Amino acid sequence: MSTPPGLFGPAGGYWIDEDEVRKAGSAALDVAKAIPDDIKVLYKPSDAAVDGLTGWQSAKALDDCLEAWAKALRSLSGMIEAAGDKVIESAKGYKAEDHRQAGLLQGLPRSADFGYRAGGQ
């Protein structure tokens, strides 16, 4: 959100900047796409530790733990991607609604009398 200088609307002067909303959604998508590569990095040290624990019950427990974390991180990646997509759709919706509302205002006289007088008269 931003407040354009000198503009104050019914929302107290806060305006939605569609481009900033879209950038936030794109950033979420970037994070979601990075997670699977980050998961791959976990396997080498974990596999080395498991190999060093051959014959110990903790080897299987460590491997199971890694798999559980990898599954959870893949799920998190999917949730972040879905959220990013929805944020981007929201930005598109704001822009589309702005254009729709602008179209509805086309042709109205600038000095139309809507029953309101400045100063409450």
N, C-alpha and C. Protein backbone atom coordinates (compact mmCIF):
# COMPACT_ATOMS: atom_id res chain seq x y z
N MET A 1 0.84 -1.17 0.00
CA MET A 1 0.00 0.00 0.00
C MET A 1 0.88 1.23 0.00
N SER A 2 0.31 2.29 -0.50
CA SER A 2 1.04 3.54 -0.50
C SER A 2 0.06 4.68 -0.36
N THR A 3 0.56 5.84 -0.03
CA THR A 3 -0.25 7.03 0.06
C THR A 3 0.29 8.05 -0.92
N PRO A 4 -0.39 8.23 -2.04
CA PRO A 4 0.07 9.25 -2.98
C PRO A 4 0.02 10.63 -2.33
N PRO A 5 1.00 11.48 -2.56
CA PRO A 5 1.02 12.80 -1.92
C PRO A 5 -0.21 13.61 -2.28
N GLY A 6 -0.85 14.17 -1.27
CA GLY A 6 -1.99 15.06 -1.47
C GLY A 6 -3.30 14.35 -1.76
N LEU A 7 -3.34 13.04 -1.75
CA LEU A 7 -4.58 12.32 -2.04
C LEU A 7 -5.05 11.57 -0.81
N PHE A 8 -6.29 11.79 -0.44
CA PHE A 8 -6.86 11.07 0.69
C PHE A 8 -8.25 10.62 0.30
N GLY A 9 -8.46 9.34 0.25
CA GLY A 9 -9.75 8.80 -0.12
C GLY A 9 -10.50 8.30 1.09
N PRO A 10 -11.62 7.63 0.87
CA PRO A 10 -12.44 7.13 1.97
C PRO A 10 -11.71 6.11 2.84
N ALA A 11 -10.66 5.53 2.33
CA ALA A 11 -9.91 4.54 3.11
C ALA A 11 -8.85 5.21 3.98
N GLY A 12 -8.94 6.52 4.14
CA GLY A 12 -7.98 7.22 4.98
C GLY A 12 -6.67 7.54 4.27
N GLY A 13 -6.66 7.47 2.96
CA GLY A 13 -5.47 7.85 2.23
C GLY A 13 -4.60 6.69 1.80
N TYR A 14 -5.02 5.45 2.04
CA TYR A 14 -4.22 4.31 1.63
C TYR A 14 -4.74 3.79 0.30
N TRP A 15 -3.81 3.49 -0.57
CA TRP A 15 -4.16 3.00 -1.89
C TRP A 15 -3.40 1.71 -2.15
N ILE A 16 -4.00 0.84 -2.91
CA ILE A 16 -3.35 -0.41 -3.30
C ILE A 16 -2.54 -0.15 -4.57
N ASP A 17 -1.28 -0.49 -4.52
CA ASP A 17 -0.42 -0.37 -5.70
C ASP A 17 -0.34 -1.77 -6.31
N GLU A 18 -1.04 -1.96 -7.42
CA GLU A 18 -1.14 -3.28 -8.02
C GLU A 18 0.22 -3.87 -8.35
N ASP A 19 1.14 -3.01 -8.81
CA ASP A 19 2.47 -3.51 -9.16
C ASP A 19 3.21 -4.05 -7.93
N GLU A 20 3.05 -3.39 -6.79
CA GLU A 20 3.70 -3.87 -5.56
C GLU A 20 3.08 -5.18 -5.09
N VAL A 21 1.77 -5.31 -5.24
CA VAL A 21 1.10 -6.55 -4.86
C VAL A 21 1.60 -7.68 -5.77
N ARG A 22 1.70 -7.40 -7.07
CA ARG A 22 2.19 -8.41 -8.02
C ARG A 22 3.63 -8.80 -7.70
N LYS A 23 4.47 -7.82 -7.34
CA LYS A 23 5.86 -8.12 -6.98
C LYS A 23 5.92 -9.02 -5.74
N ALA A 24 5.04 -8.79 -4.79
CA ALA A 24 5.00 -9.63 -3.59
C ALA A 24 4.63 -11.07 -3.96
N GLY A 25 3.67 -11.23 -4.85
CA GLY A 25 3.30 -12.56 -5.31
C GLY A 25 4.44 -13.24 -6.07
N SER A 26 5.14 -12.47 -6.88
CA SER A 26 6.29 -13.02 -7.63
C SER A 26 7.41 -13.43 -6.68
N ALA A 27 7.61 -12.64 -5.64
CA ALA A 27 8.65 -13.00 -4.65
C ALA A 27 8.29 -14.32 -3.97
N ALA A 28 7.03 -14.51 -3.66
CA ALA A 28 6.59 -15.78 -3.05
C ALA A 28 6.85 -16.94 -4.01
N LEU A 29 6.59 -16.73 -5.29
CA LEU A 29 6.84 -17.79 -6.27
C LEU A 29 8.33 -18.11 -6.35
N ASP A 30 9.17 -17.08 -6.26
CA ASP A 30 10.62 -17.31 -6.27
C ASP A 30 11.05 -18.18 -5.09
N VAL A 31 10.49 -17.89 -3.92
CA VAL A 31 10.81 -18.68 -2.72
C VAL A 31 10.34 -20.12 -2.92
N ALA A 32 9.13 -20.29 -3.42
CA ALA A 32 8.58 -21.64 -3.63
C ALA A 32 9.45 -22.44 -4.59
N LYS A 33 9.96 -21.79 -5.63
CA LYS A 33 10.79 -22.48 -6.61
C LYS A 33 12.17 -22.81 -6.05
N ALA A 34 12.66 -22.05 -5.08
CA ALA A 34 13.98 -22.28 -4.51
C ALA A 34 13.99 -23.45 -3.51
N ILE A 35 12.88 -23.71 -2.88
CA ILE A 35 12.83 -24.73 -1.83
C ILE A 35 13.27 -26.11 -2.31
N PRO A 36 12.78 -26.60 -3.46
CA PRO A 36 13.22 -27.94 -3.89
C PRO A 36 14.74 -28.06 -4.05
N ASP A 37 15.40 -27.04 -4.55
CA ASP A 37 16.86 -27.08 -4.67
C ASP A 37 17.52 -27.09 -3.29
N ASP A 38 16.92 -26.34 -2.36
CA ASP A 38 17.46 -26.32 -1.00
C ASP A 38 17.31 -27.69 -0.33
N ILE A 39 16.23 -28.39 -0.65
CA ILE A 39 16.03 -29.73 -0.09
C ILE A 39 17.14 -30.67 -0.56
N LYS A 40 17.50 -30.58 -1.84
CA LYS A 40 18.55 -31.45 -2.39
C LYS A 40 19.87 -31.29 -1.63
N VAL A 41 20.14 -30.09 -1.17
CA VAL A 41 21.39 -29.82 -0.44
C VAL A 41 21.44 -30.58 0.89
N LEU A 42 20.30 -30.89 1.44
CA LEU A 42 20.25 -31.58 2.73
C LEU A 42 20.71 -33.04 2.64
N TYR A 43 20.56 -33.65 1.48
CA TYR A 43 20.81 -35.09 1.36
C TYR A 43 22.28 -35.48 1.52
N LYS A 44 23.19 -34.72 0.95
CA LYS A 44 24.61 -35.12 1.00
C LYS A 44 25.12 -35.24 2.44
N PRO A 45 24.99 -34.22 3.28
CA PRO A 45 25.49 -34.38 4.66
C PRO A 45 24.71 -35.43 5.46
N SER A 46 23.42 -35.51 5.20
CA SER A 46 22.62 -36.50 5.92
C SER A 46 23.01 -37.91 5.51
N ASP A 47 23.18 -38.12 4.21
CA ASP A 47 23.59 -39.45 3.73
C ASP A 47 24.97 -39.83 4.28
N ALA A 48 25.86 -38.85 4.35
CA ALA A 48 27.20 -39.12 4.90
C ALA A 48 27.10 -39.53 6.37
N ALA A 49 26.22 -38.85 7.11
CA ALA A 49 26.03 -39.19 8.53
C ALA A 49 25.42 -40.59 8.66
N VAL A 50 24.45 -40.89 7.82
CA VAL A 50 23.82 -42.22 7.85
C VAL A 50 24.87 -43.29 7.55
N ASP A 51 25.72 -43.05 6.54
CA ASP A 51 26.77 -44.01 6.20
C ASP A 51 27.73 -44.22 7.37
N GLY A 52 27.99 -43.14 8.11
CA GLY A 52 28.88 -43.24 9.26
C GLY A 52 28.27 -43.96 10.44
N LEU A 53 26.96 -44.12 10.39
CA LEU A 53 26.25 -44.78 11.50
C LEU A 53 25.78 -46.19 11.12
N THR A 54 26.41 -46.78 10.15
CA THR A 54 26.02 -48.13 9.70
C THR A 54 25.96 -49.07 10.90
N GLY A 55 24.84 -49.78 10.96
CA GLY A 55 24.66 -50.73 12.05
C GLY A 55 23.97 -50.13 13.27
N TRP A 56 23.86 -48.85 13.34
CA TRP A 56 23.20 -48.20 14.47
C TRP A 56 21.74 -47.91 14.10
N GLN A 57 20.86 -48.00 15.08
CA GLN A 57 19.45 -47.70 14.84
C GLN A 57 19.25 -46.22 14.50
N SER A 58 20.14 -45.41 14.99
CA SER A 58 20.01 -43.97 14.73
C SER A 58 20.20 -43.66 13.24
N ALA A 59 20.86 -44.52 12.48
CA ALA A 59 21.05 -44.29 11.04
C ALA A 59 19.68 -44.24 10.34
N LYS A 60 18.84 -45.23 10.62
CA LYS A 60 17.51 -45.26 10.01
C LYS A 60 16.67 -44.09 10.52
N ALA A 61 16.78 -43.79 11.80
CA ALA A 61 16.01 -42.68 12.36
C ALA A 61 16.41 -41.36 11.69
N LEU A 62 17.69 -41.16 11.47
CA LEU A 62 18.16 -39.94 10.81
C LEU A 62 17.64 -39.89 9.38
N ASP A 63 17.70 -41.00 8.67
CA ASP A 63 17.20 -41.04 7.30
C ASP A 63 15.69 -40.78 7.26
N ASP A 64 14.96 -41.38 8.18
CA ASP A 64 13.51 -41.16 8.25
C ASP A 64 13.19 -39.69 8.56
N CYS A 65 13.98 -39.11 9.45
CA CYS A 65 13.79 -37.71 9.82
C CYS A 65 14.00 -36.80 8.61
N LEU A 66 15.06 -37.06 7.85
CA LEU A 66 15.32 -36.27 6.66
C LEU A 66 14.17 -36.38 5.67
N GLU A 67 13.68 -37.58 5.46
CA GLU A 67 12.58 -37.78 4.52
C GLU A 67 11.32 -37.04 4.99
N ALA A 68 11.07 -37.06 6.29
CA ALA A 68 9.90 -36.35 6.83
C ALA A 68 10.05 -34.84 6.61
N TRP A 69 11.25 -34.31 6.87
CA TRP A 69 11.49 -32.88 6.65
C TRP A 69 11.37 -32.53 5.17
N ALA A 70 11.92 -33.37 4.30
CA ALA A 70 11.85 -33.11 2.86
C ALA A 70 10.39 -33.08 2.40
N LYS A 71 9.59 -34.01 2.90
CA LYS A 71 8.17 -34.04 2.55
C LYS A 71 7.48 -32.77 3.04
N ALA A 72 7.76 -32.36 4.27
CA ALA A 72 7.15 -31.15 4.82
C ALA A 72 7.57 -29.91 4.02
N LEU A 73 8.84 -29.85 3.63
CA LEU A 73 9.31 -28.69 2.86
C LEU A 73 8.70 -28.67 1.46
N ARG A 74 8.52 -29.83 0.84
CA ARG A 74 7.86 -29.87 -0.47
C ARG A 74 6.41 -29.38 -0.34
N SER A 75 5.76 -29.78 0.73
CA SER A 75 4.39 -29.32 0.98
C SER A 75 4.37 -27.81 1.19
N LEU A 76 5.31 -27.31 1.97
CA LEU A 76 5.42 -25.87 2.21
C LEU A 76 5.64 -25.13 0.90
N SER A 77 6.49 -25.67 0.05
CA SER A 77 6.74 -25.06 -1.26
C SER A 77 5.45 -24.93 -2.05
N GLY A 78 4.65 -25.97 -2.04
CA GLY A 78 3.36 -25.94 -2.74
C GLY A 78 2.42 -24.90 -2.18
N MET A 79 2.39 -24.79 -0.85
CA MET A 79 1.52 -23.80 -0.22
C MET A 79 1.97 -22.38 -0.56
N ILE A 80 3.28 -22.15 -0.54
CA ILE A 80 3.80 -20.82 -0.87
C ILE A 80 3.51 -20.49 -2.33
N GLU A 81 3.67 -21.48 -3.20
CA GLU A 81 3.37 -21.25 -4.62
C GLU A 81 1.90 -20.89 -4.81
N ALA A 82 1.01 -21.62 -4.16
CA ALA A 82 -0.42 -21.33 -4.27
C ALA A 82 -0.74 -19.93 -3.74
N ALA A 83 -0.12 -19.55 -2.63
CA ALA A 83 -0.34 -18.21 -2.07
C ALA A 83 0.17 -17.14 -3.03
N GLY A 84 1.36 -17.36 -3.60
CA GLY A 84 1.91 -16.41 -4.56
C GLY A 84 1.01 -16.23 -5.76
N ASP A 85 0.48 -17.35 -6.28
CA ASP A 85 -0.45 -17.28 -7.41
C ASP A 85 -1.68 -16.46 -7.05
N LYS A 86 -2.20 -16.67 -5.84
CA LYS A 86 -3.40 -15.94 -5.43
C LYS A 86 -3.13 -14.45 -5.24
N VAL A 87 -1.94 -14.11 -4.74
CA VAL A 87 -1.59 -12.70 -4.58
C VAL A 87 -1.49 -12.03 -5.95
N ILE A 88 -0.90 -12.73 -6.92
CA ILE A 88 -0.80 -12.18 -8.28
C ILE A 88 -2.19 -12.02 -8.88
N GLU A 89 -3.06 -13.01 -8.68
CA GLU A 89 -4.44 -12.90 -9.18
C GLU A 89 -5.15 -11.72 -8.52
N SER A 90 -4.87 -11.50 -7.25
CA SER A 90 -5.46 -10.37 -6.54
C SER A 90 -5.03 -9.05 -7.18
N ALA A 91 -3.75 -8.94 -7.52
CA ALA A 91 -3.25 -7.73 -8.17
C ALA A 91 -3.95 -7.52 -9.50
N LYS A 92 -4.13 -8.60 -10.26
CA LYS A 92 -4.83 -8.49 -11.55
C LYS A 92 -6.27 -8.04 -11.32
N GLY A 93 -6.88 -8.56 -10.25
CA GLY A 93 -8.26 -8.19 -9.93
C GLY A 93 -8.39 -6.72 -9.59
N TYR A 94 -7.43 -6.19 -8.83
CA TYR A 94 -7.45 -4.76 -8.50
C TYR A 94 -7.39 -3.93 -9.77
N LYS A 95 -6.46 -4.29 -10.64
CA LYS A 95 -6.28 -3.52 -11.88
C LYS A 95 -7.54 -3.61 -12.74
N ALA A 96 -8.09 -4.81 -12.88
CA ALA A 96 -9.29 -4.98 -13.69
C ALA A 96 -10.46 -4.18 -13.12
N GLU A 97 -10.60 -4.19 -11.80
CA GLU A 97 -11.69 -3.44 -11.18
C GLU A 97 -11.49 -1.94 -11.34
N ASP A 98 -10.26 -1.46 -11.23
CA ASP A 98 -9.98 -0.04 -11.47
C ASP A 98 -10.40 0.36 -12.87
N HIS A 99 -10.05 -0.47 -13.85
CA HIS A 99 -10.43 -0.16 -15.24
C HIS A 99 -11.94 -0.22 -15.43
N ARG A 100 -12.58 -1.19 -14.79
CA ARG A 100 -14.04 -1.30 -14.89
C ARG A 100 -14.72 -0.08 -14.31
N GLN A 101 -14.27 0.33 -13.12
CA GLN A 101 -14.86 1.50 -12.47
C GLN A 101 -14.61 2.78 -13.29
N ALA A 102 -13.42 2.89 -13.85
CA ALA A 102 -13.12 4.07 -14.69
C ALA A 102 -14.06 4.11 -15.88
N GLY A 103 -14.35 2.94 -16.46
CA GLY A 103 -15.28 2.89 -17.59
C GLY A 103 -16.68 3.33 -17.20
N LEU A 104 -17.10 2.99 -16.00
CA LEU A 104 -18.43 3.39 -15.53
C LEU A 104 -18.53 4.90 -15.34
N LEU A 105 -17.41 5.53 -15.05
CA LEU A 105 -17.40 6.98 -14.82
C LEU A 105 -17.30 7.79 -16.12
N GLN A 106 -16.96 7.13 -17.21
CA GLN A 106 -16.84 7.83 -18.49
C GLN A 106 -18.18 8.48 -18.85
N GLY A 107 -18.12 9.71 -19.27
CA GLY A 107 -19.33 10.39 -19.71
C GLY A 107 -20.06 11.16 -18.62
N LEU A 108 -19.70 10.96 -17.36
CA LEU A 108 -20.32 11.75 -16.31
C LEU A 108 -19.77 13.17 -16.36
N PRO A 109 -20.64 14.16 -16.22
CA PRO A 109 -20.11 15.54 -16.19
C PRO A 109 -19.27 15.75 -14.93
N ARG A 110 -18.21 16.51 -15.07
CA ARG A 110 -17.32 16.75 -13.94
C ARG A 110 -18.02 17.51 -12.81
N SER A 111 -18.99 18.28 -13.12
CA SER A 111 -19.65 19.09 -12.08
C SER A 111 -21.04 18.54 -11.75
N ALA A 112 -21.22 17.26 -11.89
CA ALA A 112 -22.53 16.66 -11.63
C ALA A 112 -22.97 16.94 -10.19
N ASP A 113 -24.25 17.27 -10.02
CA ASP A 113 -24.79 17.54 -8.69
C ASP A 113 -25.32 16.23 -8.12
N PHE A 114 -24.60 15.69 -7.12
CA PHE A 114 -25.01 14.45 -6.49
C PHE A 114 -25.70 14.70 -5.16
N GLY A 115 -26.19 15.93 -4.95
CA GLY A 115 -26.90 16.23 -3.71
C GLY A 115 -25.97 16.57 -2.54
N TYR A 116 -24.71 16.74 -2.80
CA TYR A 116 -23.76 17.06 -1.74
C TYR A 116 -23.21 18.44 -1.99
N ARG A 117 -23.15 19.21 -0.96
CA ARG A 117 -22.56 20.54 -1.06
C ARG A 117 -21.39 20.63 -0.09
N ALA A 118 -20.31 21.19 -0.55
CA ALA A 118 -19.16 21.40 0.32
C ALA A 118 -19.56 22.22 1.52
N GLY A 119 -19.06 21.89 2.68
CA GLY A 119 -19.38 22.61 3.90
C GLY A 119 -20.68 22.14 4.53
N GLY A 120 -21.29 21.07 3.99
CA GLY A 120 -22.48 20.50 4.59
C GLY A 120 -23.76 21.25 4.26
N GLN A 121 -23.77 22.13 3.28
CA GLN A 121 -24.98 22.92 2.93
C GLN A 121 -25.80 22.27 1.88
